[in-house]
Protein backbone atom coordinates (compact mmCIF):
# COMPACT_ATOMS: atom_id res chain seq x y z
CA UNK A 1 20.53 -40.00 -28.47
CA UNK A 2 22.58 -38.59 -31.38
CA UNK A 3 24.30 -36.21 -28.95
CA UNK A 4 25.29 -39.07 -26.62
CA UNK A 5 26.62 -41.18 -29.50
CA UNK A 6 28.71 -38.32 -30.88
CA UNK A 7 30.28 -37.58 -27.50
CA UNK A 8 31.20 -41.21 -26.91
CA UNK A 9 32.73 -41.61 -30.39
CA UNK A 10 34.93 -38.57 -29.77
CA UNK A 11 36.01 -39.88 -26.36
CA UNK A 12 36.99 -43.27 -27.74
CA UNK A 13 38.84 -41.72 -30.68
CA UNK A 14 40.75 -39.33 -28.41
CA UNK A 15 41.81 -42.19 -26.16
CA UNK A 16 43.11 -44.24 -29.07
CA UNK A 17 45.15 -41.31 -30.33
CA UNK A 18 46.66 -40.69 -26.89
CA UNK A 19 48.77 -43.81 -26.77
CA UNK A 20 46.75 -46.85 -27.71
CA UNK A 21 45.26 -49.58 -25.55
CA UNK A 22 46.90 -51.01 -22.46
CA UNK A 23 46.13 -54.73 -22.28
CA UNK A 24 44.72 -55.82 -18.95
CA UNK A 25 46.21 -58.79 -17.16
CA UNK A 26 44.00 -61.86 -16.59
CA UNK A 27 41.99 -61.56 -13.40
CA UNK A 28 42.44 -57.78 -13.23
CA UNK A 29 39.49 -55.42 -13.65
CA UNK A 30 38.36 -51.85 -13.11
CA UNK A 31 35.06 -51.48 -11.25
CA UNK A 32 33.13 -48.20 -11.42
CA UNK A 33 30.86 -47.46 -8.46
CA UNK A 34 28.22 -44.74 -8.76
CA UNK A 35 26.98 -42.54 -5.93
CA UNK A 36 24.04 -41.50 -3.81
CA UNK A 37 20.55 -41.67 -5.31
CA UNK A 38 22.06 -43.08 -8.51
CA UNK A 39 20.48 -45.73 -10.72
CA UNK A 40 23.15 -47.56 -12.70
CA UNK A 41 23.04 -50.88 -14.55
CA UNK A 42 25.48 -53.75 -14.28
CA UNK A 43 27.69 -53.82 -17.37
CA UNK A 44 30.58 -56.05 -18.39
CA UNK A 45 33.48 -55.36 -20.75
CA UNK A 46 31.44 -56.68 -23.68
CA UNK A 47 27.81 -56.17 -22.65
CA UNK A 48 25.89 -53.01 -21.77
CA UNK A 49 22.42 -51.56 -22.15
CA UNK A 50 21.28 -51.36 -25.76
CA UNK A 51 19.12 -48.24 -25.50
CA UNK A 52 19.83 -44.85 -23.97
CA UNK A 53 23.07 -44.42 -22.05
CA UNK A 54 24.87 -47.78 -22.09
CA UNK A 55 25.89 -47.62 -18.41
CA UNK A 56 23.74 -44.81 -17.04
CA UNK A 57 24.51 -41.11 -16.69
CA UNK A 58 27.32 -41.54 -14.15
CA UNK A 59 29.34 -44.36 -15.69
CA UNK A 60 28.84 -44.35 -19.47
CA UNK A 61 31.54 -41.97 -20.69
CA UNK A 62 34.15 -43.10 -18.16
CA UNK A 63 33.46 -46.74 -18.99
CA UNK A 64 33.87 -46.12 -22.72
CA UNK A 65 37.14 -44.27 -22.18
CA UNK A 66 38.62 -47.03 -20.02
CA UNK A 67 37.47 -49.76 -22.39
CA UNK A 68 39.10 -47.93 -25.29
CA UNK A 69 42.32 -47.85 -23.27
CA UNK A 70 42.26 -51.65 -23.05
CA UNK A 71 41.00 -52.07 -19.48
CA UNK A 72 38.55 -54.75 -18.38
CA UNK A 73 35.69 -52.67 -16.98
CA UNK A 74 32.61 -53.53 -14.96
CA UNK A 75 30.03 -51.11 -13.60
CA UNK A 76 28.39 -52.07 -10.33
CA UNK A 77 24.58 -52.04 -10.23
CA UNK A 78 22.88 -49.37 -8.13
CA UNK A 79 19.22 -48.64 -7.43
CA UNK A 80 17.74 -45.65 -5.61
CA UNK A 81 15.88 -47.87 -3.16
CA UNK A 82 15.52 -51.58 -2.61
CA UNK A 83 15.44 -54.05 -5.43
CA UNK A 84 17.28 -54.85 -8.66
CA UNK A 85 17.98 -52.30 -11.38
CA UNK A 86 15.14 -51.69 -13.80
CA UNK A 87 14.99 -49.74 -17.07
CA UNK A 88 15.00 -45.99 -16.54
CA UNK A 89 13.24 -43.11 -18.31
CA UNK A 90 13.85 -39.38 -17.99
CA UNK A 91 17.32 -37.88 -17.64
CA UNK A 92 20.05 -40.45 -18.26
CA UNK A 93 17.59 -43.06 -19.51
CA UNK A 94 18.71 -46.59 -20.28
CA UNK A 95 17.08 -49.90 -21.08
CA UNK A 96 17.41 -53.31 -22.73
CA UNK A 97 20.23 -54.22 -20.37
CA UNK A 98 21.60 -57.75 -20.82
CA UNK A 99 22.04 -58.81 -17.18
CA UNK A 100 20.07 -57.99 -14.04
CA UNK A 101 21.69 -58.99 -10.78
CA UNK A 102 19.67 -59.67 -7.60
CA UNK A 103 19.07 -57.11 -4.87
CA UNK A 104 21.73 -58.51 -2.56
CA UNK A 105 24.42 -57.57 -5.11
CA UNK A 106 22.84 -54.22 -5.97
CA UNK A 107 23.85 -51.09 -4.08
CA UNK A 108 20.86 -49.31 -2.59
CA UNK A 109 22.09 -45.79 -3.26
CA UNK A 110 19.71 -44.31 -0.69
CA UNK A 111 20.65 -46.77 2.07
CA UNK A 112 23.22 -46.31 4.81
CA UNK A 113 26.86 -46.22 3.77
CA UNK A 114 27.71 -49.51 5.46
CA UNK A 115 24.71 -51.39 4.07
CA UNK A 116 25.53 -50.15 0.57
CA UNK A 117 29.10 -51.33 1.18
CA UNK A 118 27.91 -54.82 2.13
CA UNK A 119 25.98 -55.12 -1.13
CA UNK A 120 28.98 -53.84 -3.08
CA UNK A 121 31.23 -56.40 -1.36
CA UNK A 122 28.83 -59.14 -2.51
CA UNK A 123 29.01 -57.79 -6.06
CA UNK A 124 32.82 -57.84 -6.02
CA UNK A 125 32.72 -61.38 -4.66
CA UNK A 126 30.37 -62.29 -7.52
CA UNK A 127 32.92 -60.97 -10.03
CA UNK A 128 35.60 -63.07 -8.34
CA UNK A 129 33.53 -66.24 -8.21
CA UNK A 130 31.98 -66.09 -11.69
CA UNK A 131 34.45 -64.07 -13.76
CA UNK A 132 37.79 -64.76 -12.13
CA UNK A 133 38.41 -61.18 -10.99
CA UNK A 134 41.20 -61.24 -8.39
CA UNK A 135 42.62 -57.71 -8.58
CA UNK A 136 40.42 -54.60 -8.71
CA UNK A 137 41.04 -50.93 -9.33
CA UNK A 138 37.99 -49.15 -7.91
CA UNK A 139 36.73 -45.84 -9.30
CA UNK A 140 34.02 -44.35 -7.09
CA UNK A 141 31.93 -41.32 -7.98
CA UNK A 142 30.43 -39.25 -5.18
CA UNK A 143 29.03 -41.49 -2.42
CA UNK A 144 30.40 -44.39 -4.45
CA UNK A 145 33.77 -43.57 -2.91
CA UNK A 146 32.34 -44.06 0.59
CA UNK A 147 30.44 -47.19 -0.45
CA UNK A 148 33.71 -48.54 -1.85
CA UNK A 149 35.58 -47.90 1.39
CA UNK A 150 32.84 -49.69 3.33
CA UNK A 151 33.01 -52.63 0.89
CA UNK A 152 36.80 -52.85 1.18
CA UNK A 153 36.47 -53.07 4.96
CA UNK A 154 33.97 -55.92 4.61
CA UNK A 155 36.23 -57.82 2.21
CA UNK A 156 39.23 -57.40 4.50
CA UNK A 157 37.28 -58.53 7.57
CA UNK A 158 36.22 -61.70 5.76
CA UNK A 159 39.72 -62.49 4.51
CA UNK A 160 38.60 -62.18 0.90
CA UNK A 161 41.15 -63.17 -1.76
CA UNK A 162 40.21 -60.09 -3.78
CA UNK A 163 42.99 -57.51 -3.83
CA UNK A 164 41.94 -53.88 -4.10
CA UNK A 165 44.92 -52.43 -5.94
CA UNK A 166 43.84 -48.76 -5.99
CA UNK A 167 40.96 -46.44 -5.20
CA UNK A 168 40.16 -43.31 -7.22
CA UNK A 169 37.37 -41.04 -5.98
CA UNK A 170 35.57 -38.42 -8.04
CA UNK A 171 33.72 -35.77 -6.07
CA UNK A 172 33.46 -38.07 -3.07
CA UNK A 173 32.26 -36.34 0.12
CA UNK A 174 35.04 -37.61 2.38
CA UNK A 175 34.11 -34.93 4.92
CA UNK A 176 30.43 -34.73 3.99
CA UNK A 177 28.28 -32.72 1.61
CA UNK A 178 27.20 -29.20 2.50
CA UNK A 179 23.70 -30.20 1.38
CA UNK A 180 23.50 -32.84 4.11
CA UNK A 181 25.14 -30.43 6.56
CA UNK A 182 22.19 -28.08 6.00
CA UNK A 183 19.63 -30.92 6.11
CA UNK A 184 21.04 -32.05 9.46
CA UNK A 185 21.17 -28.58 11.01
CA UNK A 186 24.97 -28.24 10.91
CA UNK A 187 25.16 -25.24 8.57
CA UNK A 188 22.55 -22.53 7.90
CA UNK A 189 21.06 -21.74 4.51
CA UNK A 190 22.73 -18.35 4.79
CA UNK A 191 26.06 -20.07 4.07
CA UNK A 192 24.86 -20.44 0.46
CA UNK A 193 25.66 -16.69 0.25
CA UNK A 194 22.55 -16.03 -1.80
CA UNK A 195 23.36 -18.59 -4.51
CA UNK A 196 20.08 -19.87 -5.95
CA UNK A 197 21.33 -23.33 -6.95
CA UNK A 198 22.95 -23.91 -3.55
CA UNK A 199 19.74 -22.94 -1.75
CA UNK A 200 17.51 -25.04 -4.02
CA UNK A 201 19.73 -28.12 -3.71
CA UNK A 202 20.01 -27.72 0.08
CA UNK A 203 16.25 -27.51 0.50
CA UNK A 204 15.77 -30.53 -1.76
CA UNK A 205 18.23 -32.56 0.31
CA UNK A 206 16.46 -31.56 3.52
CA UNK A 207 13.15 -32.77 2.08
CA UNK A 208 14.74 -36.07 1.00
CA UNK A 209 16.34 -36.65 4.41
CA UNK A 210 12.98 -36.02 6.07
CA UNK A 211 11.25 -38.42 3.69
CA UNK A 212 13.73 -41.29 4.11
CA UNK A 213 14.57 -40.70 7.81
CA UNK A 214 17.74 -42.77 7.40
CA UNK A 215 20.37 -43.66 4.82
CA UNK A 216 23.12 -41.96 2.85
CA UNK A 217 21.53 -38.51 2.80
CA UNK A 218 21.39 -38.36 6.57
CA UNK A 219 24.90 -39.78 7.04
CA UNK A 220 26.88 -37.79 4.50
CA UNK A 221 27.61 -34.85 6.80
CA UNK A 222 30.41 -33.61 9.05
CA UNK A 223 28.69 -34.78 12.22
CA UNK A 224 28.50 -38.43 11.12
CA UNK A 225 31.76 -38.70 9.17
CA UNK A 226 34.21 -36.51 11.06
CA UNK A 227 35.61 -36.32 14.58
CA UNK A 228 37.37 -38.83 16.86
CA UNK A 229 34.39 -41.20 16.91
CA UNK A 230 33.18 -40.56 13.38
CA UNK A 231 32.78 -42.99 10.51
CA UNK A 232 36.09 -42.02 8.93
CA UNK A 233 38.13 -42.83 12.03
CA UNK A 234 36.29 -46.15 12.28
CA UNK A 235 37.78 -46.87 8.84
CA UNK A 236 41.37 -46.31 10.00
CA UNK A 237 43.65 -49.03 8.62
CA UNK A 238 41.43 -50.03 5.71
CA UNK A 239 43.43 -48.03 3.15
CA UNK A 240 46.91 -48.71 4.56
CA UNK A 241 48.10 -50.62 1.48
CA UNK A 242 45.83 -48.97 -1.08
CA UNK A 243 46.94 -45.81 -2.93
CA UNK A 244 44.16 -43.28 -3.32
CA UNK A 245 43.72 -40.56 -5.94
CA UNK A 246 41.16 -37.89 -5.06
CA UNK A 247 39.55 -35.70 -7.74
CA UNK A 248 37.54 -32.63 -6.75
CA UNK A 249 35.46 -30.06 -8.58
CA UNK A 250 35.45 -26.31 -7.98
CA UNK A 251 33.01 -25.00 -10.56
CA UNK A 252 31.08 -22.78 -8.17
CA UNK A 253 32.74 -20.11 -6.04
CA UNK A 254 31.91 -17.08 -3.92
CA UNK A 255 34.25 -14.31 -2.77
CA UNK A 256 35.59 -14.52 0.79
CA UNK A 257 34.64 -14.55 3.55
CA UNK A 258 32.65 -17.77 3.11
CA UNK A 259 32.29 -21.09 4.91
CA UNK A 260 35.06 -23.33 3.48
CA UNK A 261 32.79 -26.33 4.00
CA UNK A 262 30.41 -24.78 1.45
CA UNK A 263 32.67 -22.91 -1.00
CA UNK A 264 34.15 -23.61 -3.51
CA UNK A 265 32.09 -26.61 -4.57
CA UNK A 266 30.97 -28.73 -7.51
CA UNK A 267 27.28 -28.16 -6.80
CA UNK A 268 27.04 -30.93 -4.19
CA UNK A 269 30.47 -31.45 -2.58
CA UNK A 270 33.07 -28.86 -1.60
CA UNK A 271 36.55 -29.09 -3.02
CA UNK A 272 37.84 -29.36 0.55
CA UNK A 273 35.71 -32.43 1.23
CA UNK A 274 36.42 -34.09 -2.13
CA UNK A 275 40.16 -33.73 -1.51
CA UNK A 276 39.86 -35.04 2.07
CA UNK A 277 41.72 -31.99 3.40
CA UNK A 278 40.92 -32.67 7.05
CA UNK A 279 41.15 -36.48 6.93
CA UNK A 280 43.99 -37.85 9.06
CA UNK A 281 46.86 -39.95 7.77
CA UNK A 282 45.59 -42.77 9.98
CA UNK A 283 42.57 -42.99 7.70
CA UNK A 284 44.15 -41.97 4.41
CA UNK A 285 47.89 -42.66 4.53
CA UNK A 286 48.72 -42.42 0.82
CA UNK A 287 46.98 -39.84 -1.33
CA UNK A 288 47.28 -37.76 -4.47
CA UNK A 289 44.92 -34.84 -5.11
CA UNK A 290 43.76 -33.18 -8.32
CA UNK A 291 41.00 -30.62 -8.88
CA UNK A 292 39.29 -29.18 -11.95
CA UNK A 293 36.70 -26.49 -12.58
CA UNK A 294 34.04 -29.19 -12.90
CA UNK A 295 30.55 -29.78 -11.62
CA UNK A 296 29.65 -32.89 -9.67
CA UNK A 297 27.94 -34.63 -12.59
CA UNK A 298 26.27 -34.14 -15.95
CA UNK A 299 22.99 -33.81 -14.04
CA UNK A 300 24.32 -30.72 -12.24
CA UNK A 301 25.82 -29.35 -15.47
CA UNK A 302 22.54 -29.88 -17.30
CA UNK A 303 20.62 -28.21 -14.47
CA UNK A 304 22.63 -24.99 -14.77
CA UNK A 305 22.89 -24.95 -18.56
CA UNK A 306 26.48 -26.13 -18.92
CA UNK A 307 27.80 -28.69 -21.42
CA UNK A 308 28.13 -32.25 -20.19
CA UNK A 309 31.92 -32.28 -20.40
CA UNK A 310 31.98 -29.81 -17.48
CA UNK A 311 30.74 -32.67 -15.28
CA UNK A 312 33.63 -34.60 -13.77
CA UNK A 313 32.30 -37.98 -14.90
CA UNK A 314 32.37 -36.77 -18.53
CA UNK A 315 35.49 -34.58 -18.51
CA UNK A 316 38.39 -35.94 -20.64
CA UNK A 317 40.87 -34.31 -18.23
CA UNK A 318 39.43 -36.41 -15.41
CA UNK A 319 39.66 -39.53 -17.58
CA UNK A 320 43.38 -38.87 -18.02
CA UNK A 321 43.86 -38.74 -14.24
CA UNK A 322 41.79 -41.90 -13.70
CA UNK A 323 43.78 -43.84 -16.28
CA UNK A 324 47.02 -42.57 -14.76
CA UNK A 325 45.92 -43.69 -11.29
CA UNK A 326 45.20 -47.18 -12.60
CA UNK A 327 48.32 -47.48 -14.74
CA UNK A 328 50.61 -46.24 -11.94
CA UNK A 329 48.96 -48.14 -9.08
CA UNK A 330 51.61 -50.83 -8.63
CA UNK A 331 54.36 -48.32 -7.88
CA UNK A 332 52.24 -45.69 -6.15
CA UNK A 333 53.00 -46.74 -2.57
CA UNK A 334 56.70 -46.07 -3.20
CA UNK A 335 56.01 -42.41 -4.06
CA UNK A 336 55.53 -39.54 -1.54
CA UNK A 337 52.53 -40.06 0.74
CA UNK A 338 50.96 -36.73 -0.26
CA UNK A 339 51.06 -35.26 -3.75
CA UNK A 340 49.03 -32.13 -4.53
CA UNK A 341 47.19 -32.38 -1.21
């Protein structure tokens, strides 16, 4: 607990030194969406969990950094399975959370991408109806980026008054995860090139896909997402007026020749997938890409003995990019359609 508190104090202090708070306009909020198999609590700008990590292991540090910069920040609730969020033990523990939202507003982070998106759309509608949120900058980690895209499509189809001003994705598997590619028979274990972590994670994903039979783990692969009839192409048009910033991690590498859909990667998602390299302009018309030598998350960093700030959701360099994406969102569509991609 002392370690977590020290890290968060340093992050807040660094943000204040870097230029002071930017005051959010009324009705404007940042919403952080966590990814597959995540358990994250609902937090508001002034209320979070009182024990453990205030917003779970995905969202806590990013939330604190954005709050310190003056943004109005909410974290969307996510549960690995059906039901509302409950207190968590083990890695990334949290508890004594002030608000528990019902299942229909809680992302099932093991469910299908589109079902998770429907629940997220209900959550965003809840923020609009109860808290006056009209304009949203979405920050999605991992599968949270895909859940967010599904939610945006739902909101648009219903004529929602909520305006999604920008989307920033961190380690999102736009083209799939090599773990799911292995679990679904698309790539062989040999493509791990003898890397022990890659093999262990691939086998674990295969076991999870077999256990659940359906959901995010089975869908987050090239076969489901890519191609002329894939999920991505079905999303064409959704992001036409929404600037997107893509952040990828490239902590783990292997010398060529290797499968580019496996290497380099952040432990779960390849840099190529996180930066949407093969996604058409029909689907992603306005993009900016940035990559760091990060892992996918503090869970991955912890698993391989690295400090937490090597995980992209706890890396101050990533926070700088996220804040820039939010602060520059209004003028982003007037800039070149591809920057760094």
